[in-house]
Amino acid sequence: MAKKHKINEMIKAKEVMAIDIDGTQCGVMPLQEAIDKARSRQLDLVEVSPDTDPPVCKIMDFGRFRYKTDKKKHESKKKVRAAKVKEVKMTPTIGEHDYKFKVEHIKKFLKDGDRVKVTIFFKGRMIVHKELGEAVMARVVEDIKEVSQVEQEIKLEGHNITMVLIGA
């Protein structure tokens, strides 16, 4: 949750270290004197460091301060991008062209910053030859080793072999 700043009469300390709007220190003064000084300029006294003794308070326009901090928080959220998990499915008997096509997709997803879950699925009784699926999986790892690393090792889940890759 966002830190709540105390302003003006909400501040409970008897004395505060006041800082002027331009950043110069006004010194330690009684709370009411600091509030009066801020009000004379039509500004607010905002407690910026409540843990010190005496607390540090700054004379500023609280509405503008809140607007700027909210805008900064919003900008930082825009830059954060949640990595999606993309899934690429293949069979152990995949053709050469299809295999190359899928590997190119894996490379593109990794370049975009996504995780890639590679799944080899077995149809019917193909599962008795799981070594074919493991060979395809090993080939995928070998073909994209320069742009990725294995996050989750090869794992057999029912009729599927899965592995998760992340960008290098």
C-alpha atoms as a PDB file:
ATOM      1  CA  MET A   1       0.000   0.000   0.000  1.00  0.00           C
ATOM      2  CA  ALA A   2       1.186   3.549  -0.684  1.00  0.00           C
ATOM      3  CA  LYS A   3       2.830   5.482   2.132  1.00  0.00           C
ATOM      4  CA  LYS A   4       0.441   8.026   3.657  1.00  0.00           C
ATOM      5  CA  HIS A   5       2.025  11.417   4.282  1.00  0.00           C
ATOM      6  CA  LYS A   6       0.781  13.488   7.194  1.00  0.00           C
ATOM      7  CA  ILE A   7       0.072  17.110   6.375  1.00  0.00           C
ATOM      8  CA  ASN A   8      -0.428  20.231   8.492  1.00  0.00           C
ATOM      9  CA  GLU A   9      -2.487  19.452  11.650  1.00  0.00           C
ATOM     10  CA  MET A  10      -2.205  15.670  11.096  1.00  0.00           C
ATOM     11  CA  ILE A  11       1.458  15.873  12.231  1.00  0.00           C
ATOM     12  CA  LYS A  12       1.638  14.986  15.939  1.00  0.00           C
ATOM     13  CA  ALA A  13       5.207  16.074  16.853  1.00  0.00           C
ATOM     14  CA  LYS A  14       5.744  19.174  19.019  1.00  0.00           C
ATOM     15  CA  GLU A  15       8.812  20.288  17.045  1.00  0.00           C
ATOM     16  CA  VAL A  16       9.817  19.622  13.447  1.00  0.00           C
ATOM     17  CA  MET A  17      12.872  20.099  11.227  1.00  0.00           C
ATOM     18  CA  ALA A  18      11.446  22.356   8.523  1.00  0.00           C
ATOM     19  CA  ILE A  19      12.727  22.463   4.949  1.00  0.00           C
ATOM     20  CA  ASP A  20      11.673  25.312   2.692  1.00  0.00           C
ATOM     21  CA  ILE A  21      10.164  24.820  -0.787  1.00  0.00           C
ATOM     22  CA  ASP A  22      13.540  25.548  -2.435  1.00  0.00           C
ATOM     23  CA  GLY A  23      15.294  22.887  -0.304  1.00  0.00           C
ATOM     24  CA  THR A  24      16.990  25.131   2.255  1.00  0.00           C
ATOM     25  CA  GLN A  25      16.729  24.129   5.915  1.00  0.00           C
ATOM     26  CA  CYS A  26      14.768  26.460   8.153  1.00  0.00           C
ATOM     27  CA  GLY A  27      15.919  24.611  11.280  1.00  0.00           C
ATOM     28  CA  VAL A  28      14.069  23.011  14.183  1.00  0.00           C
ATOM     29  CA  MET A  29      10.931  24.959  15.100  1.00  0.00           C
ATOM     30  CA  PRO A  30       7.622  24.395  16.854  1.00  0.00           C
ATOM     31  CA  LEU A  31       5.009  22.637  14.697  1.00  0.00           C
ATOM     32  CA  GLN A  32       2.548  25.547  14.707  1.00  0.00           C
ATOM     33  CA  GLU A  33       5.229  28.015  13.579  1.00  0.00           C
ATOM     34  CA  ALA A  34       6.141  25.719  10.650  1.00  0.00           C
ATOM     35  CA  ILE A  35       2.452  25.341   9.688  1.00  0.00           C
ATOM     36  CA  ASP A  36       1.984  29.132   9.847  1.00  0.00           C
ATOM     37  CA  LYS A  37       5.062  29.641   7.663  1.00  0.00           C
ATOM     38  CA  ALA A  38       3.651  27.204   5.051  1.00  0.00           C
ATOM     39  CA  ARG A  39       0.163  28.729   5.164  1.00  0.00           C
ATOM     40  CA  SER A  40       1.544  32.260   4.711  1.00  0.00           C
ATOM     41  CA  ARG A  41       2.786  31.063   1.300  1.00  0.00           C
ATOM     42  CA  GLN A  42      -0.470  29.170   0.622  1.00  0.00           C
ATOM     43  CA  LEU A  43       1.369  25.828   0.829  1.00  0.00           C
ATOM     44  CA  ASP A  44       1.242  22.754   3.070  1.00  0.00           C
ATOM     45  CA  LEU A  45       3.626  21.334   5.666  1.00  0.00           C
ATOM     46  CA  VAL A  46       4.235  17.685   4.678  1.00  0.00           C
ATOM     47  CA  GLU A  47       5.957  15.150   6.940  1.00  0.00           C
ATOM     48  CA  VAL A  48       8.533  13.470   4.658  1.00  0.00           C
ATOM     49  CA  SER A  49      10.592  11.589   7.272  1.00  0.00           C
ATOM     50  CA  PRO A  50       8.522  10.689  10.347  1.00  0.00           C
ATOM     51  CA  ASP A  51      11.096   8.270  11.824  1.00  0.00           C
ATOM     52  CA  THR A  52      13.710  10.905  12.700  1.00  0.00           C
ATOM     53  CA  ASP A  53      13.792  12.987  15.880  1.00  0.00           C
ATOM     54  CA  PRO A  54      12.515  15.628  15.260  1.00  0.00           C
ATOM     55  CA  PRO A  55      10.541  14.571  12.169  1.00  0.00           C
ATOM     56  CA  VAL A  56      11.545  16.219   8.890  1.00  0.00           C
ATOM     57  CA  CYS A  57       8.768  18.239   7.255  1.00  0.00           C
ATOM     58  CA  LYS A  58       8.855  20.068   3.951  1.00  0.00           C
ATOM     59  CA  ILE A  59       6.910  23.112   2.890  1.00  0.00           C
ATOM     60  CA  MET A  60       5.320  22.281  -0.478  1.00  0.00           C
ATOM     61  CA  ASP A  61       2.147  22.153  -2.540  1.00  0.00           C
ATOM     62  CA  PHE A  62       0.786  18.771  -1.417  1.00  0.00           C
ATOM     63  CA  GLY A  63      -1.597  18.409  -4.380  1.00  0.00           C
ATOM     64  CA  ARG A  64       1.270  18.812  -6.839  1.00  0.00           C
ATOM     65  CA  PHE A  65       3.482  16.453  -4.768  1.00  0.00           C
ATOM     66  CA  ARG A  66       0.798  13.747  -4.784  1.00  0.00           C
ATOM     67  CA  TYR A  67       0.218  14.208  -8.518  1.00  0.00           C
ATOM     68  CA  LYS A  68       3.946  13.787  -9.273  1.00  0.00           C
ATOM     69  CA  THR A  69       4.341  10.678  -7.068  1.00  0.00           C
ATOM     70  CA  ASP A  70       1.238   9.076  -8.612  1.00  0.00           C
ATOM     71  CA  LYS A  71       2.518   9.857 -12.104  1.00  0.00           C
ATOM     72  CA  LYS A  72       5.954   8.363 -11.262  1.00  0.00           C
ATOM     73  CA  LYS A  73       4.296   5.207  -9.924  1.00  0.00           C
ATOM     74  CA  HIS A  74       2.135   4.929 -13.048  1.00  0.00           C
ATOM     75  CA  GLU A  75       5.197   5.328 -15.332  1.00  0.00           C
ATOM     76  CA  SER A  76       7.111   2.624 -13.483  1.00  0.00           C
ATOM     77  CA  LYS A  77       4.149   0.238 -13.812  1.00  0.00           C
ATOM     78  CA  LYS A  78       4.055   0.827 -17.579  1.00  0.00           C
ATOM     79  CA  LYS A  79       7.677  -0.264 -17.943  1.00  0.00           C
ATOM     80  CA  VAL A  80       7.127  -3.549 -16.115  1.00  0.00           C
ATOM     81  CA  ARG A  81       5.918  -6.216 -18.524  1.00  0.00           C
ATOM     82  CA  ALA A  82       4.735  -9.539 -17.206  1.00  0.00           C
ATOM     83  CA  ALA A  83       6.366 -12.380 -19.080  1.00  0.00           C
ATOM     84  CA  LYS A  84       3.771 -14.583 -20.686  1.00  0.00           C
ATOM     85  CA  VAL A  85       4.193 -18.302 -21.144  1.00  0.00           C
ATOM     86  CA  LYS A  86       3.836 -19.285 -24.793  1.00  0.00           C
ATOM     87  CA  GLU A  87       3.371 -22.948 -25.648  1.00  0.00           C
ATOM     88  CA  VAL A  88       4.768 -24.681 -28.716  1.00  0.00           C
ATOM     89  CA  LYS A  89       3.464 -28.212 -29.359  1.00  0.00           C
ATOM     90  CA  MET A  90       5.091 -30.877 -31.479  1.00  0.00           C
ATOM     91  CA  THR A  91       4.878 -34.632 -32.025  1.00  0.00           C
ATOM     92  CA  PRO A  92       7.879 -36.957 -31.899  1.00  0.00           C
ATOM     93  CA  THR A  93       7.459 -37.597 -35.645  1.00  0.00           C
ATOM     94  CA  ILE A  94       7.470 -33.903 -36.662  1.00  0.00           C
ATOM     95  CA  GLY A  95       8.613 -33.155 -40.213  1.00  0.00           C
ATOM     96  CA  GLU A  96      11.798 -31.170 -40.881  1.00  0.00           C
ATOM     97  CA  HIS A  97      10.056 -28.061 -42.260  1.00  0.00           C
ATOM     98  CA  ASP A  98       7.514 -27.996 -39.411  1.00  0.00           C
ATOM     99  CA  TYR A  99      10.311 -28.424 -36.878  1.00  0.00           C
ATOM    100  CA  LYS A 100      12.281 -25.450 -38.275  1.00  0.00           C
ATOM    101  CA  PHE A 101       9.108 -23.349 -38.358  1.00  0.00           C
ATOM    102  CA  LYS A 102       8.402 -24.113 -34.677  1.00  0.00           C
ATOM    103  CA  VAL A 103      12.016 -23.395 -33.649  1.00  0.00           C
ATOM    104  CA  GLU A 104      11.796 -19.972 -35.331  1.00  0.00           C
ATOM    105  CA  HIS A 105       8.625 -19.266 -33.340  1.00  0.00           C
ATOM    106  CA  ILE A 106      10.382 -20.293 -30.124  1.00  0.00           C
ATOM    107  CA  LYS A 107      13.253 -17.897 -30.906  1.00  0.00           C
ATOM    108  CA  LYS A 108      10.810 -15.056 -31.614  1.00  0.00           C
ATOM    109  CA  PHE A 109       8.920 -15.637 -28.351  1.00  0.00           C
ATOM    110  CA  LEU A 110      12.168 -15.710 -26.362  1.00  0.00           C
ATOM    111  CA  LYS A 111      13.368 -12.520 -28.058  1.00  0.00           C
ATOM    112  CA  ASP A 112      10.096 -10.823 -27.060  1.00  0.00           C
ATOM    113  CA  GLY A 113      10.822 -11.694 -23.412  1.00  0.00           C
ATOM    114  CA  ASP A 114       8.290 -14.500 -23.035  1.00  0.00           C
ATOM    115  CA  ARG A 115       8.826 -17.912 -21.494  1.00  0.00           C
ATOM    116  CA  VAL A 116       8.264 -20.837 -23.827  1.00  0.00           C
ATOM    117  CA  LYS A 117       6.775 -24.168 -22.807  1.00  0.00           C
ATOM    118  CA  VAL A 118       7.784 -26.792 -25.357  1.00  0.00           C
ATOM    119  CA  THR A 119       5.425 -29.787 -25.385  1.00  0.00           C
ATOM    120  CA  ILE A 120       5.933 -33.050 -27.245  1.00  0.00           C
ATOM    121  CA  PHE A 121       2.621 -34.904 -27.245  1.00  0.00           C
ATOM    122  CA  PHE A 122       2.213 -38.578 -27.993  1.00  0.00           C
ATOM    123  CA  LYS A 123      -0.824 -39.904 -29.836  1.00  0.00           C
ATOM    124  CA  GLY A 124      -2.187 -43.317 -28.935  1.00  0.00           C
ATOM    125  CA  ARG A 125       0.504 -45.923 -28.322  1.00  0.00           C
ATOM    126  CA  MET A 126       3.375 -43.646 -29.416  1.00  0.00           C
ATOM    127  CA  ILE A 127       4.168 -43.201 -25.712  1.00  0.00           C
ATOM    128  CA  VAL A 128       6.045 -46.528 -25.718  1.00  0.00           C
ATOM    129  CA  HIS A 129       8.719 -44.734 -27.782  1.00  0.00           C
ATOM    130  CA  LYS A 130       9.229 -41.772 -25.461  1.00  0.00           C
ATOM    131  CA  GLU A 131      12.942 -41.721 -26.405  1.00  0.00           C
ATOM    132  CA  LEU A 132      11.858 -40.242 -29.788  1.00  0.00           C
ATOM    133  CA  GLY A 133      10.213 -37.339 -27.982  1.00  0.00           C
ATOM    134  CA  GLU A 134      13.250 -36.854 -25.756  1.00  0.00           C
ATOM    135  CA  ALA A 135      15.456 -36.776 -28.874  1.00  0.00           C
ATOM    136  CA  VAL A 136      13.287 -34.018 -30.427  1.00  0.00           C
ATOM    137  CA  MET A 137      13.440 -32.099 -27.134  1.00  0.00           C
ATOM    138  CA  ALA A 138      17.248 -32.439 -26.981  1.00  0.00           C
ATOM    139  CA  ARG A 139      17.454 -31.199 -30.572  1.00  0.00           C
ATOM    140  CA  VAL A 140      15.337 -28.135 -29.682  1.00  0.00           C
ATOM    141  CA  VAL A 141      17.655 -27.340 -26.763  1.00  0.00           C
ATOM    142  CA  GLU A 142      20.704 -27.715 -29.012  1.00  0.00           C
ATOM    143  CA  ASP A 143      19.251 -25.558 -31.818  1.00  0.00           C
ATOM    144  CA  ILE A 144      18.341 -22.606 -29.575  1.00  0.00           C
ATOM    145  CA  LYS A 145      21.073 -22.796 -26.922  1.00  0.00           C
ATOM    146  CA  GLU A 146      22.535 -19.413 -28.030  1.00  0.00           C
ATOM    147  CA  VAL A 147      19.293 -17.522 -27.273  1.00  0.00           C
ATOM    148  CA  SER A 148      17.846 -19.466 -24.353  1.00  0.00           C
ATOM    149  CA  GLN A 149      18.396 -21.501 -21.272  1.00  0.00           C
ATOM    150  CA  VAL A 150      16.324 -24.263 -19.742  1.00  0.00           C
ATOM    151  CA  GLU A 151      14.246 -23.068 -16.791  1.00  0.00           C
ATOM    152  CA  GLN A 152      12.402 -26.333 -16.159  1.00  0.00           C
ATOM    153  CA  GLU A 153      14.031 -29.592 -17.201  1.00  0.00           C
ATOM    154  CA  ILE A 154      12.352 -32.197 -19.438  1.00  0.00           C
ATOM    155  CA  LYS A 155       9.454 -33.788 -17.562  1.00  0.00           C
ATOM    156  CA  LEU A 156       7.034 -36.571 -18.538  1.00  0.00           C
ATOM    157  CA  GLU A 157       3.419 -35.624 -17.743  1.00  0.00           C
ATOM    158  CA  GLY A 158       0.954 -38.272 -18.877  1.00  0.00           C
ATOM    159  CA  HIS A 159       1.137 -38.464 -22.687  1.00  0.00           C
ATOM    160  CA  ASN A 160       3.285 -35.301 -22.906  1.00  0.00           C
ATOM    161  CA  ILE A 161       6.913 -34.360 -22.407  1.00  0.00           C
ATOM    162  CA  THR A 162       7.318 -30.723 -21.383  1.00  0.00           C
ATOM    163  CA  MET A 163      10.142 -28.279 -20.830  1.00  0.00           C
ATOM    164  CA  VAL A 164      10.161 -24.535 -20.080  1.00  0.00           C
ATOM    165  CA  LEU A 165      12.716 -22.178 -21.680  1.00  0.00           C
ATOM    166  CA  ILE A 166      13.630 -18.577 -20.908  1.00  0.00           C
ATOM    167  CA  GLY A 167      15.706 -16.095 -22.876  1.00  0.00           C
ATOM    168  CA  ALA A 168      19.431 -16.001 -22.223  1.00  0.00           C
END
